[in-house]
Amino acid sequence: MFDSALRLTTPTSSPTLLELAHDAKVGFKDARVTVDNMRRAGVLVVVRTRVVSYRNRPVAEYCTPARLEVLGVKRCALRDAFASWATPIV
């Protein structure tokens, strides 16, 4: 998944979960679990969302934090703060 994210990321777009699964040649369910774990660990970050034809809602585009710096993509500090904010589990 990590290699797929690096390979598919361009300055104008990043891969979606479905594109990552297709490129890595794994099932969608396994890709979803892996990408979710990688996102929580900070290996992948959500860069932006994209409207696609196969879903009603926009899908997330994923990229590695190091690749974002190389491509010069600006990230929102407030969004990062809210994303890392600890929420109590009730």
Protein backbone atom coordinates (compact mmCIF):
# COMPACT_ATOMS: atom_id res chain seq x y z
CA MET A 1 0.00 0.00 0.00
CA PHE A 2 2.80 2.37 0.87
CA ASP A 3 4.53 1.80 -2.47
CA SER A 4 1.24 2.23 -4.30
CA ALA A 5 0.60 5.53 -2.54
CA LEU A 6 4.06 6.78 -3.52
CA ARG A 7 3.74 5.62 -7.11
CA LEU A 8 0.24 7.01 -7.74
CA THR A 9 0.67 10.42 -6.09
CA THR A 10 1.06 13.37 -8.45
CA PRO A 11 1.01 17.12 -7.74
CA THR A 12 -2.60 17.36 -8.91
CA SER A 13 -4.11 14.17 -7.47
CA SER A 14 -3.52 11.37 -5.03
CA PRO A 15 -4.91 7.83 -5.02
CA THR A 16 -8.23 6.91 -3.49
CA LEU A 17 -8.77 3.76 -1.47
CA LEU A 18 -10.09 1.91 -4.52
CA GLU A 19 -7.10 2.98 -6.62
CA LEU A 20 -4.69 1.88 -3.87
CA ALA A 21 -6.39 -1.52 -3.65
CA HIS A 22 -6.30 -1.96 -7.42
CA ASP A 23 -2.64 -0.98 -7.72
CA ALA A 24 -1.56 -3.15 -4.77
CA LYS A 25 -3.65 -6.05 -6.11
CA VAL A 26 -5.44 -6.70 -2.82
CA GLY A 27 -9.10 -6.91 -1.94
CA PHE A 28 -11.05 -3.80 -1.07
CA LYS A 29 -11.81 -4.91 2.49
CA ASP A 30 -8.16 -5.67 3.24
CA ALA A 31 -7.11 -2.38 1.67
CA ARG A 32 -9.65 -0.49 3.77
CA VAL A 33 -8.36 -2.02 7.00
CA THR A 34 -4.72 -1.48 6.03
CA VAL A 35 -5.20 2.13 4.93
CA ASP A 36 -7.18 2.87 8.09
CA ASN A 37 -4.36 1.48 10.24
CA MET A 38 -1.75 3.37 8.22
CA ARG A 39 -3.76 6.58 8.56
CA ARG A 40 -4.02 6.19 12.34
CA ALA A 41 -0.29 5.49 12.56
CA GLY A 42 0.51 8.60 10.52
CA VAL A 43 2.00 6.74 7.57
CA LEU A 44 -0.75 8.02 5.25
CA VAL A 45 -2.69 11.27 5.47
CA VAL A 46 -5.84 12.47 3.76
CA VAL A 47 -4.82 15.19 1.33
CA ARG A 48 -8.17 16.18 -0.16
CA THR A 49 -11.46 14.72 -1.29
CA ARG A 50 -12.57 13.98 -4.82
CA VAL A 51 -15.99 13.46 -6.40
CA VAL A 52 -16.22 10.10 -8.17
CA SER A 53 -18.94 8.51 -10.27
CA TYR A 54 -19.22 5.29 -8.27
CA ARG A 55 -20.17 6.89 -4.96
CA ASN A 56 -22.63 9.53 -3.74
CA ARG A 57 -20.14 11.13 -1.37
CA PRO A 58 -16.66 12.41 -2.15
CA VAL A 59 -13.83 9.96 -1.49
CA ALA A 60 -10.58 10.71 0.32
CA GLU A 61 -7.24 10.90 -1.46
CA TYR A 62 -4.27 9.52 0.49
CA CYS A 63 -0.59 10.42 0.45
CA THR A 64 2.48 10.00 2.63
CA PRO A 65 3.49 13.04 4.70
CA ALA A 66 7.02 13.03 3.24
CA ARG A 67 5.67 13.03 -0.31
CA LEU A 68 3.46 16.03 0.53
CA GLU A 69 6.53 18.06 1.41
CA VAL A 70 8.31 17.04 -1.79
CA LEU A 71 5.29 18.00 -3.90
CA GLY A 72 4.80 21.25 -2.02
CA VAL A 73 1.19 20.58 -1.03
CA LYS A 74 0.05 22.86 1.77
CA ARG A 75 -1.73 21.28 4.72
CA CYS A 76 -4.12 23.01 7.06
CA ALA A 77 -2.74 23.33 10.60
CA LEU A 78 -6.20 23.61 12.12
CA ARG A 79 -7.34 20.43 10.39
CA ASP A 80 -4.25 18.61 11.66
CA ALA A 81 -4.96 19.83 15.19
CA PHE A 82 -8.54 18.57 15.09
CA ALA A 83 -7.45 15.27 13.55
CA SER A 84 -5.01 14.59 16.38
CA TRP A 85 -7.35 15.81 19.12
CA ALA A 86 -8.01 13.07 21.66
CA THR A 87 -11.68 12.29 22.06
CA PRO A 88 -13.00 10.41 25.08
CA ILE A 89 -14.57 7.03 24.46
CA VAL A 90 -17.87 6.84 26.28
